[in-house]
């Protein structure tokens, strides 16, 4: 088992990662009866995508002796209705100023664009990624 989730009431969940014991909470967004005091479930999906992208890029970067520390990712979620769902995710990666060959940049971008979470998303979900080197 990976995690447990306990519904705490008032549209809030407590999520425990079993291996580490790390606990996070989610809350419904304000536009859907929530307080918006925590990440919403759809927020966590978007954050999962972004962290998967930079993590898989980071794994390869270690092999290439490239330090991606300090990379900042901006995430913007666009919701649709009928049915309510994420319609689009915009992610901009602000990577550190490194003197990299173009082939290394392209390799890292390809890895980010093909991370496991990206490959797990429904093909109707539009994802736009921008890499700023």
N, C-alpha and C. Protein backbone atom coordinates (compact mmCIF):
# COMPACT_ATOMS: atom_id res chain seq x y z
N UNK A 1 0.84 -1.17 0.00
CA UNK A 1 0.00 0.00 0.00
C UNK A 1 0.89 1.25 0.00
N UNK A 2 0.47 2.27 -0.69
CA UNK A 2 1.23 3.50 -0.84
C UNK A 2 0.85 4.54 0.21
N UNK A 3 -0.45 4.70 0.42
CA UNK A 3 -0.92 5.77 1.28
C UNK A 3 -2.29 5.41 1.85
N UNK A 4 -2.66 6.17 2.88
CA UNK A 4 -4.03 6.10 3.38
C UNK A 4 -4.60 7.51 3.35
N UNK A 5 -5.89 7.59 3.14
CA UNK A 5 -6.60 8.86 3.15
C UNK A 5 -7.76 8.74 4.12
N UNK A 6 -7.88 9.71 5.00
CA UNK A 6 -9.00 9.77 5.93
C UNK A 6 -9.78 11.04 5.64
N UNK A 7 -11.07 10.87 5.37
CA UNK A 7 -11.94 12.04 5.19
C UNK A 7 -12.24 12.62 6.55
N UNK A 8 -11.83 13.87 6.77
CA UNK A 8 -11.96 14.52 8.07
C UNK A 8 -13.26 15.29 8.22
N UNK A 9 -14.06 15.34 7.19
CA UNK A 9 -15.28 16.15 7.21
C UNK A 9 -15.00 17.53 6.67
N UNK A 10 -16.04 18.29 6.45
CA UNK A 10 -15.92 19.67 5.95
C UNK A 10 -15.09 19.75 4.68
N UNK A 11 -15.16 18.72 3.85
CA UNK A 11 -14.51 18.66 2.53
C UNK A 11 -12.99 18.62 2.62
N UNK A 12 -12.46 18.14 3.75
CA UNK A 12 -11.02 18.05 3.95
C UNK A 12 -10.61 16.59 4.13
N UNK A 13 -9.45 16.24 3.54
CA UNK A 13 -8.88 14.90 3.68
C UNK A 13 -7.48 14.99 4.27
N UNK A 14 -7.11 13.97 5.02
CA UNK A 14 -5.76 13.84 5.56
C UNK A 14 -5.12 12.64 4.87
N UNK A 15 -4.00 12.87 4.21
CA UNK A 15 -3.33 11.85 3.41
C UNK A 15 -1.99 11.50 4.06
N UNK A 16 -1.77 10.21 4.30
CA UNK A 16 -0.53 9.79 4.94
C UNK A 16 0.24 8.88 4.00
N UNK A 17 1.48 9.26 3.71
CA UNK A 17 2.39 8.44 2.92
C UNK A 17 2.96 7.39 3.86
N UNK A 18 2.70 6.12 3.59
CA UNK A 18 3.02 5.08 4.55
C UNK A 18 4.51 4.86 4.75
N UNK A 19 5.32 4.96 3.71
CA UNK A 19 6.75 4.72 3.85
C UNK A 19 7.42 5.77 4.73
N UNK A 20 7.04 7.03 4.56
CA UNK A 20 7.72 8.11 5.29
C UNK A 20 6.93 8.64 6.48
N UNK A 21 5.64 8.41 6.48
CA UNK A 21 4.80 8.98 7.53
C UNK A 21 4.41 10.42 7.28
N UNK A 22 4.82 10.98 6.14
CA UNK A 22 4.48 12.36 5.80
C UNK A 22 2.97 12.49 5.66
N UNK A 23 2.44 13.57 6.22
CA UNK A 23 1.01 13.83 6.18
C UNK A 23 0.75 15.13 5.44
N UNK A 24 -0.18 15.10 4.50
CA UNK A 24 -0.65 16.31 3.84
C UNK A 24 -2.17 16.32 3.92
N UNK A 25 -2.73 17.49 3.73
CA UNK A 25 -4.18 17.62 3.73
C UNK A 25 -4.62 18.24 2.42
N UNK A 26 -5.84 17.92 2.04
CA UNK A 26 -6.46 18.58 0.89
C UNK A 26 -7.75 19.24 1.36
N UNK A 27 -8.18 20.21 0.60
CA UNK A 27 -9.41 20.94 0.87
C UNK A 27 -10.09 21.20 -0.46
N UNK A 28 -11.39 21.28 -0.44
CA UNK A 28 -12.11 21.65 -1.66
C UNK A 28 -11.80 23.11 -1.98
N UNK A 29 -11.77 23.46 -3.26
CA UNK A 29 -11.51 24.86 -3.62
C UNK A 29 -12.72 25.74 -3.30
N UNK A 30 -12.46 27.03 -3.21
CA UNK A 30 -13.53 27.97 -2.85
C UNK A 30 -14.64 28.02 -3.90
N UNK A 31 -14.32 27.71 -5.14
CA UNK A 31 -15.36 27.72 -6.17
C UNK A 31 -16.16 26.42 -6.20
N UNK A 32 -15.89 25.53 -5.24
CA UNK A 32 -16.64 24.27 -5.18
C UNK A 32 -16.93 23.90 -3.71
N UNK A 33 -17.41 24.89 -2.97
CA UNK A 33 -17.88 24.73 -1.60
C UNK A 33 -16.80 24.57 -0.54
N UNK A 34 -15.54 24.68 -0.91
CA UNK A 34 -14.46 24.50 0.06
C UNK A 34 -13.96 25.81 0.63
N UNK A 35 -13.03 25.68 1.54
CA UNK A 35 -12.42 26.86 2.16
C UNK A 35 -11.18 27.30 1.41
N UNK A 36 -10.62 26.42 0.57
CA UNK A 36 -9.41 26.76 -0.18
C UNK A 36 -8.21 26.97 0.71
N UNK A 37 -8.18 26.29 1.86
CA UNK A 37 -7.09 26.47 2.81
C UNK A 37 -5.93 25.50 2.57
N UNK A 38 -6.09 24.56 1.68
CA UNK A 38 -5.06 23.58 1.34
C UNK A 38 -5.11 23.38 -0.18
N UNK A 39 -4.16 22.61 -0.70
CA UNK A 39 -4.25 22.20 -2.10
C UNK A 39 -5.56 21.44 -2.28
N UNK A 40 -6.21 21.66 -3.41
CA UNK A 40 -7.38 20.85 -3.75
C UNK A 40 -6.90 19.57 -4.42
N UNK A 41 -7.75 18.56 -4.55
CA UNK A 41 -7.33 17.35 -5.26
C UNK A 41 -6.85 17.63 -6.68
N UNK A 42 -7.50 18.56 -7.39
CA UNK A 42 -7.04 18.87 -8.74
C UNK A 42 -5.72 19.65 -8.73
N UNK A 43 -5.52 20.46 -7.69
CA UNK A 43 -4.21 21.13 -7.53
C UNK A 43 -3.11 20.09 -7.38
N UNK A 44 -3.37 19.05 -6.56
CA UNK A 44 -2.33 18.05 -6.32
C UNK A 44 -2.00 17.28 -7.59
N UNK A 45 -2.99 17.08 -8.47
CA UNK A 45 -2.69 16.43 -9.73
C UNK A 45 -1.71 17.28 -10.54
N UNK A 46 -1.96 18.58 -10.60
CA UNK A 46 -1.08 19.48 -11.35
C UNK A 46 0.32 19.53 -10.74
N UNK A 47 0.37 19.59 -9.42
CA UNK A 47 1.66 19.61 -8.74
C UNK A 47 2.38 18.27 -8.93
N UNK A 48 1.64 17.17 -8.93
CA UNK A 48 2.25 15.87 -9.18
C UNK A 48 2.92 15.83 -10.56
N UNK A 49 2.25 16.41 -11.54
CA UNK A 49 2.83 16.46 -12.88
C UNK A 49 4.13 17.27 -12.86
N UNK A 50 4.09 18.45 -12.27
CA UNK A 50 5.28 19.31 -12.26
C UNK A 50 6.43 18.66 -11.50
N UNK A 51 6.16 18.08 -10.34
CA UNK A 51 7.24 17.47 -9.58
C UNK A 51 7.78 16.22 -10.26
N UNK A 52 6.92 15.49 -10.95
CA UNK A 52 7.40 14.33 -11.70
C UNK A 52 8.32 14.77 -12.84
N UNK A 53 7.95 15.84 -13.52
CA UNK A 53 8.78 16.33 -14.62
C UNK A 53 10.17 16.69 -14.13
N UNK A 54 10.26 17.53 -13.09
CA UNK A 54 11.57 17.99 -12.65
C UNK A 54 12.34 16.87 -11.96
N UNK A 55 11.65 15.95 -11.31
CA UNK A 55 12.34 14.83 -10.67
C UNK A 55 12.98 13.91 -11.70
N UNK A 56 12.24 13.57 -12.76
CA UNK A 56 12.82 12.69 -13.78
C UNK A 56 13.94 13.40 -14.53
N UNK A 57 13.78 14.70 -14.75
CA UNK A 57 14.86 15.48 -15.36
C UNK A 57 16.07 15.50 -14.44
N UNK A 58 15.82 15.64 -13.14
CA UNK A 58 16.90 15.67 -12.16
C UNK A 58 17.68 14.37 -12.10
N UNK A 59 16.97 13.25 -12.24
CA UNK A 59 17.65 11.94 -12.25
C UNK A 59 18.65 11.88 -13.39
N UNK A 60 18.22 12.27 -14.57
CA UNK A 60 19.11 12.26 -15.74
C UNK A 60 20.22 13.31 -15.61
N UNK A 61 19.86 14.47 -15.03
CA UNK A 61 20.84 15.54 -14.85
C UNK A 61 22.00 15.08 -13.96
N UNK A 62 21.70 14.29 -12.94
CA UNK A 62 22.77 13.76 -12.08
C UNK A 62 23.74 12.95 -12.92
N UNK A 63 23.22 12.09 -13.80
CA UNK A 63 24.07 11.28 -14.66
C UNK A 63 24.93 12.14 -15.59
N UNK A 64 24.41 13.32 -15.96
CA UNK A 64 25.13 14.22 -16.86
C UNK A 64 25.99 15.24 -16.10
N UNK A 65 26.02 15.12 -14.77
CA UNK A 65 26.74 16.05 -13.91
C UNK A 65 26.25 17.48 -14.09
N UNK A 66 24.91 17.62 -14.17
CA UNK A 66 24.25 18.92 -14.29
C UNK A 66 23.43 19.14 -13.03
N UNK A 67 23.55 20.31 -12.44
CA UNK A 67 22.82 20.64 -11.22
C UNK A 67 21.60 21.50 -11.55
N UNK A 68 20.42 20.94 -11.39
CA UNK A 68 19.18 21.67 -11.66
C UNK A 68 18.60 22.31 -10.40
N UNK A 69 19.38 22.32 -9.32
CA UNK A 69 18.91 22.94 -8.08
C UNK A 69 18.50 24.38 -8.34
N UNK A 70 17.42 24.78 -7.71
CA UNK A 70 16.92 26.14 -7.86
C UNK A 70 15.90 26.30 -8.97
N UNK A 71 15.66 25.24 -9.73
CA UNK A 71 14.64 25.31 -10.77
C UNK A 71 13.29 25.62 -10.12
N UNK A 72 12.58 26.58 -10.66
CA UNK A 72 11.26 26.95 -10.17
C UNK A 72 10.24 26.61 -11.24
N UNK A 73 9.14 25.99 -10.83
CA UNK A 73 8.09 25.63 -11.76
C UNK A 73 6.82 26.39 -11.41
N UNK A 74 6.28 27.11 -12.37
CA UNK A 74 5.00 27.81 -12.20
C UNK A 74 3.91 26.96 -12.84
N UNK A 75 2.83 26.75 -12.12
CA UNK A 75 1.76 25.87 -12.56
C UNK A 75 0.45 26.66 -12.58
N UNK A 76 -0.27 26.55 -13.68
CA UNK A 76 -1.58 27.20 -13.79
C UNK A 76 -2.59 26.17 -14.26
N UNK A 77 -3.62 26.00 -13.47
CA UNK A 77 -4.67 25.02 -13.75
C UNK A 77 -5.89 25.74 -14.30
N UNK A 78 -6.47 25.19 -15.37
CA UNK A 78 -7.68 25.73 -15.98
C UNK A 78 -8.79 24.68 -15.86
N UNK A 79 -9.83 25.02 -15.12
CA UNK A 79 -10.93 24.09 -14.91
C UNK A 79 -12.00 24.27 -15.98
N UNK A 80 -12.65 23.18 -16.31
CA UNK A 80 -13.81 23.18 -17.20
C UNK A 80 -15.01 22.66 -16.40
N UNK A 81 -16.19 22.85 -16.96
CA UNK A 81 -17.39 22.33 -16.30
C UNK A 81 -18.14 21.41 -17.27
N UNK A 82 -19.06 20.66 -16.70
CA UNK A 82 -19.99 19.83 -17.47
C UNK A 82 -19.30 18.76 -18.32
N UNK A 83 -18.59 17.82 -17.74
CA UNK A 83 -18.39 17.63 -16.30
C UNK A 83 -17.21 18.47 -15.80
N UNK A 84 -17.24 18.74 -14.49
CA UNK A 84 -16.16 19.51 -13.87
C UNK A 84 -14.88 18.69 -13.95
N UNK A 85 -13.83 19.32 -14.51
CA UNK A 85 -12.56 18.62 -14.70
C UNK A 85 -11.48 19.63 -15.04
N UNK A 86 -10.24 19.18 -14.98
CA UNK A 86 -9.13 20.01 -15.44
C UNK A 86 -9.12 19.95 -16.96
N UNK A 87 -9.14 21.10 -17.59
CA UNK A 87 -9.11 21.14 -19.05
C UNK A 87 -7.72 21.41 -19.60
N UNK A 88 -6.94 22.15 -18.81
CA UNK A 88 -5.62 22.54 -19.30
C UNK A 88 -4.70 22.79 -18.11
N UNK A 89 -3.45 22.40 -18.27
CA UNK A 89 -2.41 22.71 -17.29
C UNK A 89 -1.27 23.41 -18.03
N UNK A 90 -0.91 24.59 -17.54
CA UNK A 90 0.26 25.31 -18.06
C UNK A 90 1.38 25.16 -17.04
N UNK A 91 2.55 24.76 -17.50
CA UNK A 91 3.72 24.66 -16.62
C UNK A 91 4.88 25.39 -17.28
N UNK A 92 5.49 26.29 -16.53
CA UNK A 92 6.70 26.96 -16.98
C UNK A 92 7.82 26.58 -16.03
N UNK A 93 8.89 26.02 -16.59
CA UNK A 93 10.07 25.67 -15.81
C UNK A 93 11.10 26.77 -15.99
N UNK A 94 11.49 27.39 -14.88
CA UNK A 94 12.54 28.41 -14.89
C UNK A 94 13.80 27.71 -14.39
N UNK A 95 14.61 27.28 -15.33
CA UNK A 95 15.81 26.52 -15.01
C UNK A 95 16.97 27.45 -14.74
N UNK A 96 17.94 26.97 -13.95
CA UNK A 96 19.10 27.84 -13.65
C UNK A 96 19.88 28.18 -14.92
N UNK A 97 20.54 29.30 -14.88
CA UNK A 97 21.39 29.72 -16.00
C UNK A 97 22.61 28.81 -16.04
N UNK A 98 22.58 27.87 -16.93
CA UNK A 98 23.69 26.92 -17.08
C UNK A 98 24.22 27.00 -18.50
N UNK A 99 25.49 26.74 -18.65
CA UNK A 99 26.10 26.69 -19.97
C UNK A 99 25.98 25.25 -20.49
N UNK A 100 24.81 24.93 -21.04
CA UNK A 100 24.56 23.58 -21.53
C UNK A 100 24.54 23.57 -23.04
N UNK A 101 24.97 22.44 -23.58
CA UNK A 101 24.83 22.25 -25.01
C UNK A 101 23.36 22.06 -25.33
N UNK A 102 22.98 22.46 -26.52
CA UNK A 102 21.58 22.36 -26.94
C UNK A 102 21.06 20.93 -26.85
N UNK A 103 21.93 19.96 -27.17
CA UNK A 103 21.51 18.55 -27.13
C UNK A 103 21.14 18.13 -25.70
N UNK A 104 21.85 18.64 -24.70
CA UNK A 104 21.53 18.32 -23.31
C UNK A 104 20.21 18.96 -22.89
N UNK A 105 19.98 20.20 -23.31
CA UNK A 105 18.70 20.86 -23.03
C UNK A 105 17.55 20.07 -23.65
N UNK A 106 17.71 19.68 -24.90
CA UNK A 106 16.65 18.94 -25.60
C UNK A 106 16.40 17.58 -24.94
N UNK A 107 17.47 16.92 -24.52
CA UNK A 107 17.33 15.64 -23.84
C UNK A 107 16.54 15.80 -22.54
N UNK A 108 16.91 16.79 -21.73
CA UNK A 108 16.21 17.00 -20.47
C UNK A 108 14.75 17.38 -20.69
N UNK A 109 14.49 18.20 -21.69
CA UNK A 109 13.11 18.57 -21.99
C UNK A 109 12.31 17.36 -22.45
N UNK A 110 12.89 16.51 -23.25
CA UNK A 110 12.20 15.29 -23.70
C UNK A 110 11.86 14.40 -22.50
N UNK A 111 12.79 14.31 -21.56
CA UNK A 111 12.54 13.50 -20.36
C UNK A 111 11.39 14.11 -19.56
N UNK A 112 11.39 15.43 -19.37
CA UNK A 112 10.31 16.09 -18.66
C UNK A 112 8.96 15.89 -19.33
N UNK A 113 8.96 16.00 -20.66
CA UNK A 113 7.72 15.86 -21.42
C UNK A 113 7.19 14.43 -21.44
N UNK A 114 7.99 13.48 -21.03
CA UNK A 114 7.59 12.07 -21.07
C UNK A 114 7.67 11.40 -19.70
N UNK A 115 7.54 12.18 -18.64
CA UNK A 115 7.60 11.61 -17.29
C UNK A 115 6.39 10.70 -17.05
N UNK A 116 6.46 9.83 -16.05
CA UNK A 116 5.36 8.90 -15.80
C UNK A 116 4.00 9.55 -15.56
N UNK A 117 3.95 10.67 -14.86
CA UNK A 117 2.65 11.31 -14.63
C UNK A 117 2.10 11.85 -15.95
N UNK A 118 2.95 12.47 -16.76
CA UNK A 118 2.50 12.98 -18.07
C UNK A 118 1.89 11.85 -18.89
N UNK A 119 2.55 10.70 -18.88
CA UNK A 119 2.08 9.55 -19.66
C UNK A 119 0.83 8.92 -19.06
N UNK A 120 0.48 9.29 -17.83
CA UNK A 120 -0.70 8.74 -17.17
C UNK A 120 -1.94 9.61 -17.34
N UNK A 121 -1.76 10.81 -17.87
CA UNK A 121 -2.89 11.73 -18.03
C UNK A 121 -3.71 11.38 -19.27
N UNK A 122 -4.99 11.69 -19.20
CA UNK A 122 -5.88 11.45 -20.34
C UNK A 122 -5.45 12.32 -21.52
N UNK A 123 -5.47 11.78 -22.73
CA UNK A 123 -5.00 12.56 -23.88
C UNK A 123 -5.85 13.81 -24.18
N UNK A 124 -7.08 13.88 -23.66
CA UNK A 124 -7.89 15.08 -23.87
C UNK A 124 -7.45 16.25 -23.01
N UNK A 125 -6.64 15.98 -21.98
CA UNK A 125 -6.16 17.05 -21.11
C UNK A 125 -5.03 17.78 -21.82
N UNK A 126 -5.20 19.05 -22.03
CA UNK A 126 -4.19 19.86 -22.72
C UNK A 126 -3.12 20.27 -21.71
N UNK A 127 -1.88 19.96 -22.03
CA UNK A 127 -0.75 20.35 -21.18
C UNK A 127 0.20 21.16 -22.04
N UNK A 128 0.45 22.38 -21.61
CA UNK A 128 1.40 23.25 -22.30
C UNK A 128 2.58 23.49 -21.38
N UNK A 129 3.77 23.15 -21.88
CA UNK A 129 4.99 23.25 -21.08
C UNK A 129 5.94 24.23 -21.76
N UNK A 130 6.52 25.10 -20.95
CA UNK A 130 7.50 26.06 -21.45
C UNK A 130 8.75 25.94 -20.60
N UNK A 131 9.88 25.77 -21.27
CA UNK A 131 11.17 25.67 -20.60
C UNK A 131 11.91 26.99 -20.79
N UNK A 132 12.28 27.63 -19.70
CA UNK A 132 13.04 28.87 -19.75
C UNK A 132 14.42 28.57 -19.18
N UNK A 133 15.41 28.58 -20.06
CA UNK A 133 16.79 28.25 -19.65
C UNK A 133 17.54 29.49 -19.31
